[in-house]
Amino acid sequence: MAAAGSYGVAYVYMARLLTPQRLSPFVLAQGQMIAATVLLAPAVLVAGRQAVDLDGSIVAATAMLGFVGTGLAYVINYAIVSRDGATVASTVTYLLPVVAVVLGAAVLDEAVGRITLVGTAVVLLGVTLVRRLSTEARTERSAL
């Protein structure tokens, strides 16, 4: 519950306090990554005491996950919050389970039941409605 609440608070925080500063999404994402690194450093000092084998593929995979999987995702997220608002940007959190189900079925040959299909349809419908209503509200505001 705390994690779900944190997502909601984070999107409102981004929309109200960060994106109005007119900073580039790259700068905002960089600031978020630096802050996370500083906040996690004490945890590494306590929990990261096991030996690490830094072979090239491990370093490359870690860099790819950090720069593309996290860094680029934050840049895109800030750009969406700036352009479309917090409500539309937050709908991505609803799509993660849908992607997980699709990948599970496609890659791991997991069975997909009727309830999962109905849940997926409900999520996709909800995201579509939020995007449509947000677009209509933005259009009305710009017409005023």
Protein backbone atom coordinates (compact mmCIF):
# COMPACT_ATOMS: atom_id res chain seq x y z
CA MET A 1 0.00 0.00 0.00
CA ALA A 2 2.84 2.38 0.80
CA ALA A 3 4.42 1.78 -2.61
CA ALA A 4 1.13 2.43 -4.42
CA GLY A 5 0.64 5.61 -2.42
CA SER A 6 4.20 6.68 -3.19
CA TYR A 7 3.51 6.47 -6.92
CA GLY A 8 0.56 8.80 -6.57
CA VAL A 9 2.49 11.27 -4.44
CA ALA A 10 5.50 11.14 -6.79
CA TYR A 11 3.48 12.01 -9.89
CA VAL A 12 1.74 14.92 -8.19
CA TYR A 13 5.11 16.11 -6.83
CA MET A 14 6.64 15.95 -10.31
CA ALA A 15 3.73 17.81 -11.90
CA ARG A 16 3.40 20.54 -9.29
CA LEU A 17 6.98 21.19 -8.20
CA LEU A 18 9.49 19.84 -10.71
CA THR A 19 8.18 20.17 -14.26
CA PRO A 20 6.96 23.80 -13.80
CA GLN A 21 10.64 24.73 -13.32
CA ARG A 22 11.00 24.29 -17.11
CA LEU A 23 14.07 22.12 -16.71
CA SER A 24 14.88 19.55 -19.37
CA PRO A 25 13.56 16.03 -18.72
CA PHE A 26 17.22 14.95 -18.96
CA VAL A 27 18.20 17.28 -16.10
CA LEU A 28 15.26 16.13 -13.96
CA ALA A 29 16.07 12.46 -14.59
CA GLN A 30 19.74 13.06 -13.84
CA GLY A 31 18.83 14.73 -10.55
CA GLN A 32 16.61 11.80 -9.62
CA MET A 33 19.34 9.28 -10.42
CA ILE A 34 21.95 11.23 -8.43
CA ALA A 35 19.60 11.52 -5.45
CA ALA A 36 18.88 7.78 -5.57
CA THR A 37 22.61 7.00 -5.71
CA VAL A 38 23.31 9.19 -2.67
CA LEU A 39 20.39 7.71 -0.73
CA LEU A 40 21.39 4.12 -1.53
CA ALA A 41 25.10 4.55 -0.76
CA PRO A 42 24.69 3.79 2.98
CA ALA A 43 22.79 0.59 2.14
CA VAL A 44 25.68 -0.57 -0.06
CA LEU A 45 28.11 0.04 2.80
CA VAL A 46 26.02 -2.17 5.09
CA ALA A 47 24.60 -4.85 2.77
CA GLY A 48 27.06 -4.83 -0.11
CA ARG A 49 29.98 -6.55 1.57
CA GLN A 50 30.10 -9.73 -0.50
CA ALA A 51 32.74 -10.12 -3.19
CA VAL A 52 31.74 -8.98 -6.67
CA ASP A 53 33.02 -10.51 -9.89
CA LEU A 54 33.10 -7.59 -12.33
CA ASP A 55 33.39 -9.31 -15.66
CA GLY A 56 32.64 -7.26 -18.77
CA SER A 57 29.19 -8.68 -19.39
CA ILE A 58 28.09 -7.85 -15.83
CA VAL A 59 29.33 -4.27 -16.12
CA ALA A 60 27.69 -3.90 -19.55
CA ALA A 61 24.37 -5.33 -18.34
CA THR A 62 24.38 -3.10 -15.26
CA ALA A 63 25.19 -0.02 -17.33
CA MET A 64 22.46 -0.88 -19.84
CA LEU A 65 19.86 -1.36 -17.09
CA GLY A 66 20.94 1.86 -15.40
CA PHE A 67 21.16 4.11 -18.44
CA VAL A 68 18.41 2.69 -20.64
CA GLY A 69 16.12 0.75 -18.32
CA THR A 70 16.06 3.42 -15.64
CA GLY A 71 17.62 6.66 -16.87
CA LEU A 72 15.90 6.81 -20.25
CA ALA A 73 12.64 5.67 -18.66
CA TYR A 74 12.81 8.62 -16.24
CA VAL A 75 13.53 11.04 -19.10
CA ILE A 76 10.46 9.76 -20.97
CA ASN A 77 8.40 9.89 -17.77
CA TYR A 78 9.31 13.53 -17.08
CA ALA A 79 8.57 14.44 -20.70
CA ILE A 80 5.11 12.84 -20.44
CA VAL A 81 4.39 14.58 -17.13
CA SER A 82 5.43 17.91 -18.68
CA ARG A 83 3.38 17.41 -21.83
CA ASP A 84 0.33 15.44 -20.69
CA GLY A 85 0.20 15.82 -16.90
CA ALA A 86 0.55 13.55 -13.91
CA THR A 87 -2.69 11.63 -14.44
CA VAL A 88 -1.80 10.43 -17.93
CA ALA A 89 1.82 9.70 -16.96
CA SER A 90 0.71 7.61 -13.99
CA THR A 91 -1.27 5.25 -16.22
CA VAL A 92 2.00 3.54 -17.14
CA THR A 93 1.94 1.88 -13.70
CA TYR A 94 -1.27 0.11 -14.71
CA LEU A 95 0.29 -1.21 -17.91
CA LEU A 96 3.18 -3.03 -16.20
CA PRO A 97 1.07 -6.07 -15.19
CA VAL A 98 -0.35 -6.25 -18.72
CA VAL A 99 3.15 -6.31 -20.19
CA ALA A 100 4.17 -8.93 -17.63
CA VAL A 101 1.24 -11.17 -18.62
CA VAL A 102 2.00 -10.81 -22.33
CA LEU A 103 5.71 -11.52 -21.83
CA GLY A 104 4.95 -14.44 -19.51
CA ALA A 105 2.71 -15.99 -22.15
CA ALA A 106 5.04 -15.25 -25.07
CA VAL A 107 8.42 -16.00 -23.52
CA LEU A 108 7.69 -18.47 -20.71
CA ASP A 109 4.65 -20.15 -22.27
CA GLU A 110 2.55 -19.36 -19.19
CA ALA A 111 -1.17 -20.07 -19.34
CA VAL A 112 -3.50 -17.06 -19.52
CA GLY A 113 -6.97 -17.65 -18.10
CA ARG A 114 -10.25 -15.88 -18.67
CA ILE A 115 -9.98 -13.81 -15.49
CA THR A 116 -6.56 -12.54 -16.59
CA LEU A 117 -7.95 -11.58 -20.00
CA VAL A 118 -10.90 -9.77 -18.40
CA GLY A 119 -8.52 -7.97 -16.01
CA THR A 120 -6.30 -6.97 -18.93
CA ALA A 121 -9.30 -5.63 -20.83
CA VAL A 122 -10.43 -3.61 -17.79
CA VAL A 123 -6.95 -2.12 -17.36
CA LEU A 124 -6.66 -1.20 -21.05
CA LEU A 125 -10.15 0.32 -21.03
CA GLY A 126 -9.32 2.35 -17.92
CA VAL A 127 -6.09 3.66 -19.43
CA THR A 128 -7.91 4.55 -22.65
CA LEU A 129 -10.61 6.44 -20.75
CA VAL A 130 -8.09 8.36 -18.65
CA ARG A 131 -6.11 9.36 -21.73
CA ARG A 132 -9.26 10.41 -23.60
CA LEU A 133 -10.65 12.43 -20.69
CA SER A 134 -7.28 14.10 -20.09
CA THR A 135 -6.97 15.00 -23.78
CA GLU A 136 -10.49 16.46 -23.81
CA ALA A 137 -9.82 18.49 -20.65
CA ARG A 138 -6.54 19.81 -22.10
CA THR A 139 -8.33 20.78 -25.33
CA GLU A 140 -11.03 22.63 -23.38
CA ARG A 141 -8.44 24.50 -21.29
CA SER A 142 -6.50 25.59 -24.37
CA ALA A 143 -9.72 26.82 -26.04
CA LEU A 144 -10.41 29.18 -23.13
